[in-house]
Amino acid sequence: KLATLIMYAIFSSFMISKLSVEKDLVINSLKDLQHEGFKLYAHEGSYNSRAILKNIAGQSNSTPVFLNLEPGIDKIN
């Protein structure tokens, strides 16, 4: 029963972290990320907000983008 509960929690967390799929949604700024419920953080001292945004900027969301898997991006609780 505990294993089922843990699996449900992990699955729920994964699904919540997925960027909502909207036609023609484009992430170009920190404000865009915050609007989608994400924040930036320093990743291993090598990423700053400019580098992170450059990595994802302009990517159309015609397919799901898992921002929580990008280095330096985290879901806002």
C-alpha atoms as a PDB file:
ATOM      1  CA  LYS A   1       0.000   0.000   0.000  1.00  0.00           C
ATOM      2  CA  LEU A   2       2.855   2.383   0.812  1.00  0.00           C
ATOM      3  CA  ALA A   3       4.533   1.590  -2.520  1.00  0.00           C
ATOM      4  CA  THR A   4       1.299   2.447  -4.358  1.00  0.00           C
ATOM      5  CA  LEU A   5       1.042   5.735  -2.488  1.00  0.00           C
ATOM      6  CA  ILE A   6       4.655   6.620  -3.316  1.00  0.00           C
ATOM      7  CA  MET A   7       4.150   5.765  -7.003  1.00  0.00           C
ATOM      8  CA  TYR A   8       1.001   7.931  -7.096  1.00  0.00           C
ATOM      9  CA  ALA A   9       2.881  10.854  -5.510  1.00  0.00           C
ATOM     10  CA  ILE A  10       5.711  10.576  -8.045  1.00  0.00           C
ATOM     11  CA  PHE A  11       3.286  10.313 -10.980  1.00  0.00           C
ATOM     12  CA  SER A  12       1.241  13.292  -9.723  1.00  0.00           C
ATOM     13  CA  SER A  13       4.369  15.383  -9.285  1.00  0.00           C
ATOM     14  CA  PHE A  14       5.533  14.492 -12.802  1.00  0.00           C
ATOM     15  CA  MET A  15       2.194  15.397 -14.388  1.00  0.00           C
ATOM     16  CA  ILE A  16       1.923  18.682 -12.478  1.00  0.00           C
ATOM     17  CA  SER A  17       5.424  19.665 -13.575  1.00  0.00           C
ATOM     18  CA  LYS A  18       4.601  19.377 -17.272  1.00  0.00           C
ATOM     19  CA  LEU A  19       4.243  22.714 -18.991  1.00  0.00           C
ATOM     20  CA  SER A  20       0.641  23.165 -20.040  1.00  0.00           C
ATOM     21  CA  VAL A  21       0.146  22.478 -23.714  1.00  0.00           C
ATOM     22  CA  GLU A  22      -1.243  25.472 -25.535  1.00  0.00           C
ATOM     23  CA  LYS A  23      -1.075  26.030 -29.260  1.00  0.00           C
ATOM     24  CA  ASP A  24       1.581  28.584 -30.176  1.00  0.00           C
ATOM     25  CA  LEU A  25       2.762  29.067 -26.577  1.00  0.00           C
ATOM     26  CA  VAL A  26       6.318  30.370 -26.690  1.00  0.00           C
ATOM     27  CA  ILE A  27       8.648  30.930 -23.730  1.00  0.00           C
ATOM     28  CA  ASN A  28      10.789  34.016 -24.296  1.00  0.00           C
ATOM     29  CA  SER A  29      11.200  35.588 -20.882  1.00  0.00           C
ATOM     30  CA  LEU A  30      11.350  35.007 -17.157  1.00  0.00           C
ATOM     31  CA  LYS A  31       7.812  36.391 -16.943  1.00  0.00           C
ATOM     32  CA  ASP A  32       6.620  33.710 -19.391  1.00  0.00           C
ATOM     33  CA  LEU A  33       8.169  31.013 -17.190  1.00  0.00           C
ATOM     34  CA  GLN A  34       6.641  32.448 -14.026  1.00  0.00           C
ATOM     35  CA  HIS A  35       3.248  32.657 -15.705  1.00  0.00           C
ATOM     36  CA  GLU A  36       3.471  28.915 -16.407  1.00  0.00           C
ATOM     37  CA  GLY A  37       4.427  28.235 -12.771  1.00  0.00           C
ATOM     38  CA  PHE A  38       8.178  27.764 -13.050  1.00  0.00           C
ATOM     39  CA  LYS A  39      11.221  29.525 -11.593  1.00  0.00           C
ATOM     40  CA  LEU A  40      14.907  29.648 -12.435  1.00  0.00           C
ATOM     41  CA  TYR A  41      17.725  28.660 -10.109  1.00  0.00           C
ATOM     42  CA  ALA A  42      21.501  28.451 -10.336  1.00  0.00           C
ATOM     43  CA  HIS A  43      22.439  25.011 -11.645  1.00  0.00           C
ATOM     44  CA  GLU A  44      25.825  23.691 -10.548  1.00  0.00           C
ATOM     45  CA  GLY A  45      27.168  27.231 -10.679  1.00  0.00           C
ATOM     46  CA  SER A  46      27.302  27.184 -14.473  1.00  0.00           C
ATOM     47  CA  TYR A  47      23.847  28.333 -15.474  1.00  0.00           C
ATOM     48  CA  ASN A  48      22.453  31.817 -15.119  1.00  0.00           C
ATOM     49  CA  SER A  49      19.004  33.022 -16.098  1.00  0.00           C
ATOM     50  CA  ARG A  50      20.197  34.341 -19.465  1.00  0.00           C
ATOM     51  CA  ALA A  51      21.761  31.001 -20.432  1.00  0.00           C
ATOM     52  CA  ILE A  52      18.700  29.044 -19.314  1.00  0.00           C
ATOM     53  CA  LEU A  53      16.278  31.266 -21.206  1.00  0.00           C
ATOM     54  CA  LYS A  54      18.504  31.177 -24.287  1.00  0.00           C
ATOM     55  CA  ASN A  55      18.360  27.382 -24.143  1.00  0.00           C
ATOM     56  CA  ILE A  56      14.544  27.278 -24.323  1.00  0.00           C
ATOM     57  CA  ALA A  57      13.584  30.657 -25.818  1.00  0.00           C
ATOM     58  CA  GLY A  58      11.406  30.530 -28.861  1.00  0.00           C
ATOM     59  CA  GLN A  59      10.600  26.839 -28.602  1.00  0.00           C
ATOM     60  CA  SER A  60       7.005  26.416 -29.696  1.00  0.00           C
ATOM     61  CA  ASN A  61       4.925  24.251 -27.432  1.00  0.00           C
ATOM     62  CA  SER A  62       3.275  22.260 -30.195  1.00  0.00           C
ATOM     63  CA  THR A  63       4.586  19.234 -28.315  1.00  0.00           C
ATOM     64  CA  PRO A  64       4.835  19.026 -24.508  1.00  0.00           C
ATOM     65  CA  VAL A  65       7.969  20.580 -23.038  1.00  0.00           C
ATOM     66  CA  PHE A  66       9.061  19.232 -19.677  1.00  0.00           C
ATOM     67  CA  LEU A  67      10.632  22.330 -18.182  1.00  0.00           C
ATOM     68  CA  ASN A  68      11.339  20.592 -14.886  1.00  0.00           C
ATOM     69  CA  LEU A  69      13.857  18.423 -16.759  1.00  0.00           C
ATOM     70  CA  GLU A  70      15.747  21.463 -18.052  1.00  0.00           C
ATOM     71  CA  PRO A  71      18.794  22.387 -15.932  1.00  0.00           C
ATOM     72  CA  GLY A  72      18.126  25.486 -13.884  1.00  0.00           C
ATOM     73  CA  ILE A  73      14.318  25.378 -14.027  1.00  0.00           C
ATOM     74  CA  ASP A  74      12.077  24.252 -11.187  1.00  0.00           C
ATOM     75  CA  LYS A  75       8.340  24.084 -10.520  1.00  0.00           C
ATOM     76  CA  ILE A  76       7.000  26.767  -8.180  1.00  0.00           C
ATOM     77  CA  ASN A  77       5.190  25.138  -5.263  1.00  0.00           C
END
